N, C-alpha and C. Protein backbone atom coordinates (compact mmCIF):
# COMPACT_ATOMS: atom_id res chain seq x y z
N MET A 1 98.93 56.10 118.71
CA MET A 1 98.95 57.42 119.30
C MET A 1 97.78 57.49 120.26
N GLY A 2 98.13 57.81 121.46
CA GLY A 2 97.09 57.93 122.47
C GLY A 2 96.49 59.31 122.49
N ILE A 3 95.42 59.44 123.22
CA ILE A 3 94.72 60.72 123.30
C ILE A 3 95.59 61.78 123.97
N LYS A 4 96.43 61.34 124.91
CA LYS A 4 97.31 62.27 125.62
C LYS A 4 98.32 62.88 124.64
N SER A 5 98.93 62.04 123.82
CA SER A 5 99.92 62.56 122.87
C SER A 5 99.24 63.41 121.78
N PHE A 6 98.00 63.03 121.43
CA PHE A 6 97.27 63.80 120.43
C PHE A 6 97.08 65.24 120.92
N PHE A 7 96.59 65.40 122.14
CA PHE A 7 96.37 66.74 122.68
C PHE A 7 97.68 67.49 122.90
N LYS A 8 98.72 66.74 123.31
CA LYS A 8 100.02 67.36 123.52
C LYS A 8 100.52 67.96 122.20
N ASN A 9 100.41 67.21 121.10
CA ASN A 9 100.85 67.70 119.78
C ASN A 9 99.95 68.83 119.29
N ALA A 10 98.66 68.71 119.56
CA ALA A 10 97.73 69.75 119.12
C ALA A 10 98.04 71.08 119.81
N PHE A 11 98.27 71.05 121.11
CA PHE A 11 98.58 72.27 121.83
C PHE A 11 99.94 72.83 121.43
N LYS A 12 100.88 71.95 121.14
CA LYS A 12 102.20 72.39 120.68
C LYS A 12 102.06 73.11 119.34
N ASP A 13 101.26 72.55 118.42
CA ASP A 13 101.03 73.17 117.12
C ASP A 13 100.34 74.53 117.27
N MET A 14 99.36 74.61 118.17
CA MET A 14 98.67 75.87 118.39
C MET A 14 99.63 76.93 118.94
N LYS A 15 100.53 76.51 119.83
CA LYS A 15 101.48 77.44 120.41
C LYS A 15 102.42 77.98 119.33
N GLU A 16 102.92 77.10 118.47
CA GLU A 16 103.81 77.53 117.39
C GLU A 16 103.08 78.44 116.40
N SER A 17 101.84 78.08 116.12
CA SER A 17 101.05 78.90 115.21
C SER A 17 100.81 80.28 115.79
N ALA A 18 100.53 80.36 117.07
CA ALA A 18 100.31 81.65 117.73
C ALA A 18 101.57 82.50 117.69
N LYS A 19 102.74 81.88 117.88
CA LYS A 19 104.01 82.62 117.82
C LYS A 19 104.23 83.19 116.42
N GLU A 20 103.98 82.38 115.41
CA GLU A 20 104.18 82.83 114.04
C GLU A 20 103.17 83.93 113.68
N GLN A 21 101.95 83.79 114.13
CA GLN A 21 100.94 84.82 113.87
C GLN A 21 101.32 86.11 114.56
N HIS A 22 101.92 86.02 115.73
CA HIS A 22 102.37 87.21 116.45
C HIS A 22 103.45 87.93 115.63
N LYS A 23 104.35 87.17 115.01
CA LYS A 23 105.38 87.78 114.16
C LYS A 23 104.73 88.50 112.98
N VAL A 24 103.73 87.87 112.39
CA VAL A 24 103.02 88.49 111.26
C VAL A 24 102.33 89.77 111.71
N ASP A 25 101.67 89.72 112.86
CA ASP A 25 100.98 90.89 113.38
C ASP A 25 101.95 92.04 113.67
N LYS A 26 103.12 91.72 114.23
CA LYS A 26 104.12 92.75 114.52
C LYS A 26 104.59 93.39 113.23
N ALA A 27 104.83 92.58 112.19
CA ALA A 27 105.29 93.10 110.91
C ALA A 27 104.21 93.98 110.27
N ASN A 28 102.96 93.55 110.33
CA ASN A 28 101.87 94.34 109.77
C ASN A 28 101.70 95.66 110.53
N PHE A 29 101.85 95.62 111.84
CA PHE A 29 101.74 96.84 112.64
C PHE A 29 102.85 97.81 112.28
N ALA A 30 104.08 97.30 112.13
CA ALA A 30 105.20 98.16 111.77
C ALA A 30 104.98 98.79 110.39
N ALA A 31 104.44 98.01 109.46
CA ALA A 31 104.17 98.53 108.13
C ALA A 31 103.09 99.61 108.17
N ALA A 32 102.03 99.38 108.92
CA ALA A 32 100.96 100.36 109.05
C ALA A 32 101.47 101.64 109.70
N LYS A 33 102.32 101.50 110.69
CA LYS A 33 102.89 102.65 111.38
C LYS A 33 103.76 103.48 110.42
N ALA A 34 104.57 102.79 109.62
CA ALA A 34 105.43 103.48 108.66
C ALA A 34 104.60 104.17 107.58
N GLU A 35 103.55 103.50 107.12
CA GLU A 35 102.68 104.12 106.12
C GLU A 35 101.99 105.36 106.68
N SER A 36 101.59 105.29 107.93
CA SER A 36 100.94 106.43 108.57
C SER A 36 101.90 107.61 108.67
N LYS A 37 103.13 107.34 109.04
CA LYS A 37 104.13 108.40 109.12
C LYS A 37 104.38 109.01 107.75
N ALA A 38 104.43 108.15 106.72
CA ALA A 38 104.66 108.64 105.36
C ALA A 38 103.51 109.52 104.90
N GLN A 39 102.28 109.11 105.18
CA GLN A 39 101.12 109.92 104.80
C GLN A 39 101.14 111.26 105.53
N PHE A 40 101.52 111.25 106.79
CA PHE A 40 101.59 112.50 107.55
C PHE A 40 102.65 113.42 106.95
N ALA A 41 103.81 112.85 106.61
CA ALA A 41 104.88 113.65 106.04
C ALA A 41 104.46 114.24 104.68
N GLU A 42 103.76 113.43 103.88
CA GLU A 42 103.29 113.92 102.59
C GLU A 42 102.26 115.04 102.78
N ALA A 43 101.35 114.85 103.72
CA ALA A 43 100.33 115.87 103.98
C ALA A 43 100.98 117.16 104.48
N LYS A 44 101.98 117.02 105.33
CA LYS A 44 102.69 118.18 105.86
C LYS A 44 103.42 118.91 104.73
N ALA A 45 104.02 118.13 103.81
CA ALA A 45 104.73 118.73 102.69
C ALA A 45 103.77 119.45 101.75
N MET A 46 102.56 118.94 101.63
CA MET A 46 101.58 119.58 100.75
C MET A 46 101.12 120.93 101.32
N GLY A 47 101.39 121.17 102.57
CA GLY A 47 101.08 122.46 103.16
C GLY A 47 101.98 123.55 102.63
N ASN A 48 103.13 123.18 102.12
CA ASN A 48 104.06 124.13 101.53
C ASN A 48 103.59 124.43 100.10
N PRO A 49 103.35 125.68 99.77
CA PRO A 49 102.82 126.01 98.43
C PRO A 49 103.72 125.54 97.28
N LYS A 50 105.03 125.63 97.45
CA LYS A 50 105.94 125.21 96.38
C LYS A 50 105.83 123.71 96.13
N THR A 51 105.79 122.94 97.19
CA THR A 51 105.69 121.49 97.06
C THR A 51 104.35 121.11 96.45
N HIS A 52 103.29 121.76 96.90
CA HIS A 52 101.95 121.47 96.37
C HIS A 52 101.89 121.80 94.87
N LYS A 53 102.45 122.95 94.51
CA LYS A 53 102.44 123.37 93.11
C LYS A 53 103.23 122.39 92.24
N ALA A 54 104.37 121.92 92.72
CA ALA A 54 105.18 120.96 91.97
C ALA A 54 104.45 119.63 91.81
N ALA A 55 103.78 119.18 92.86
CA ALA A 55 103.03 117.92 92.78
C ALA A 55 101.88 118.04 91.80
N MET A 56 101.18 119.15 91.83
CA MET A 56 100.06 119.36 90.90
C MET A 56 100.56 119.42 89.46
N GLN A 57 101.70 120.07 89.23
CA GLN A 57 102.27 120.15 87.88
C GLN A 57 102.68 118.77 87.39
N ALA A 58 103.25 117.97 88.26
CA ALA A 58 103.63 116.61 87.88
C ALA A 58 102.40 115.80 87.50
N GLU A 59 101.32 115.95 88.24
CA GLU A 59 100.07 115.24 87.92
C GLU A 59 99.51 115.70 86.58
N ARG A 60 99.55 117.01 86.34
CA ARG A 60 99.07 117.52 85.05
C ARG A 60 99.92 117.01 83.90
N ASN A 61 101.24 116.98 84.08
CA ASN A 61 102.12 116.46 83.04
C ASN A 61 101.81 114.99 82.74
N LYS A 62 101.54 114.23 83.77
CA LYS A 62 101.19 112.82 83.61
C LYS A 62 99.89 112.68 82.81
N GLN A 63 98.91 113.52 83.12
CA GLN A 63 97.63 113.47 82.42
C GLN A 63 97.79 113.88 80.96
N ILE A 64 98.61 114.90 80.69
CA ILE A 64 98.86 115.34 79.32
C ILE A 64 99.53 114.23 78.52
N LYS A 65 100.51 113.57 79.13
CA LYS A 65 101.20 112.47 78.45
C LYS A 65 100.22 111.36 78.11
N ALA A 66 99.34 111.01 79.05
CA ALA A 66 98.36 109.95 78.80
C ALA A 66 97.40 110.36 77.68
N ALA A 67 96.98 111.62 77.67
CA ALA A 67 96.07 112.10 76.63
C ALA A 67 96.75 112.07 75.26
N ASN A 68 98.02 112.45 75.21
CA ASN A 68 98.75 112.41 73.94
C ASN A 68 98.89 110.98 73.43
N GLU A 69 99.13 110.04 74.33
CA GLU A 69 99.23 108.63 73.92
C GLU A 69 97.89 108.13 73.38
N ARG A 70 96.80 108.53 74.02
CA ARG A 70 95.48 108.12 73.55
C ARG A 70 95.18 108.72 72.17
N THR A 71 95.60 109.98 71.97
CA THR A 71 95.41 110.63 70.68
C THR A 71 96.20 109.92 69.59
N ALA A 72 97.44 109.57 69.89
CA ALA A 72 98.27 108.86 68.92
C ALA A 72 97.67 107.51 68.57
N ALA A 73 97.15 106.81 69.55
CA ALA A 73 96.53 105.50 69.30
C ALA A 73 95.28 105.66 68.45
N ALA A 74 94.49 106.69 68.72
CA ALA A 74 93.28 106.93 67.93
C ALA A 74 93.64 107.29 66.50
N ASN A 75 94.66 108.10 66.31
CA ASN A 75 95.10 108.46 64.96
C ASN A 75 95.59 107.22 64.20
N ALA A 76 96.28 106.34 64.88
CA ALA A 76 96.74 105.10 64.24
C ALA A 76 95.55 104.25 63.82
N ARG A 77 94.52 104.20 64.65
CA ARG A 77 93.32 103.44 64.29
C ARG A 77 92.61 104.06 63.10
N ILE A 78 92.60 105.39 63.04
CA ILE A 78 91.97 106.09 61.90
C ILE A 78 92.72 105.75 60.61
N GLU A 79 94.05 105.80 60.66
CA GLU A 79 94.86 105.49 59.48
C GLU A 79 94.65 104.03 59.05
N ALA A 80 94.55 103.14 60.01
CA ALA A 80 94.34 101.72 59.69
C ALA A 80 92.96 101.53 59.06
N ALA A 81 91.98 102.27 59.53
CA ALA A 81 90.63 102.16 58.97
C ALA A 81 90.57 102.72 57.55
N LYS A 82 91.33 103.76 57.27
CA LYS A 82 91.34 104.35 55.93
C LYS A 82 91.99 103.42 54.90
N LYS A 83 92.95 102.61 55.33
CA LYS A 83 93.66 101.70 54.42
C LYS A 83 92.80 100.51 54.02
N LYS A 84 91.75 100.21 54.76
CA LYS A 84 90.91 99.05 54.46
C LYS A 84 90.03 99.30 53.32
């Protein structure tokens, strides 16, 4: 392999790599753009009192469920400790 063919292959590889990286960059840009639109839509929806109230209630329900699960686990540990 001569130096000429070495550089020819190297530049060909760089060109292909640049094309593939461009595809990745385009996909990442499209994803970022879609995420931005989704965040804007969510923020706009939170401006509506009914939507905001429903979202807050869902978050509170999630927290209550997690607290109840923690309480049940603690009670199970207490019962296991009493049996020893």
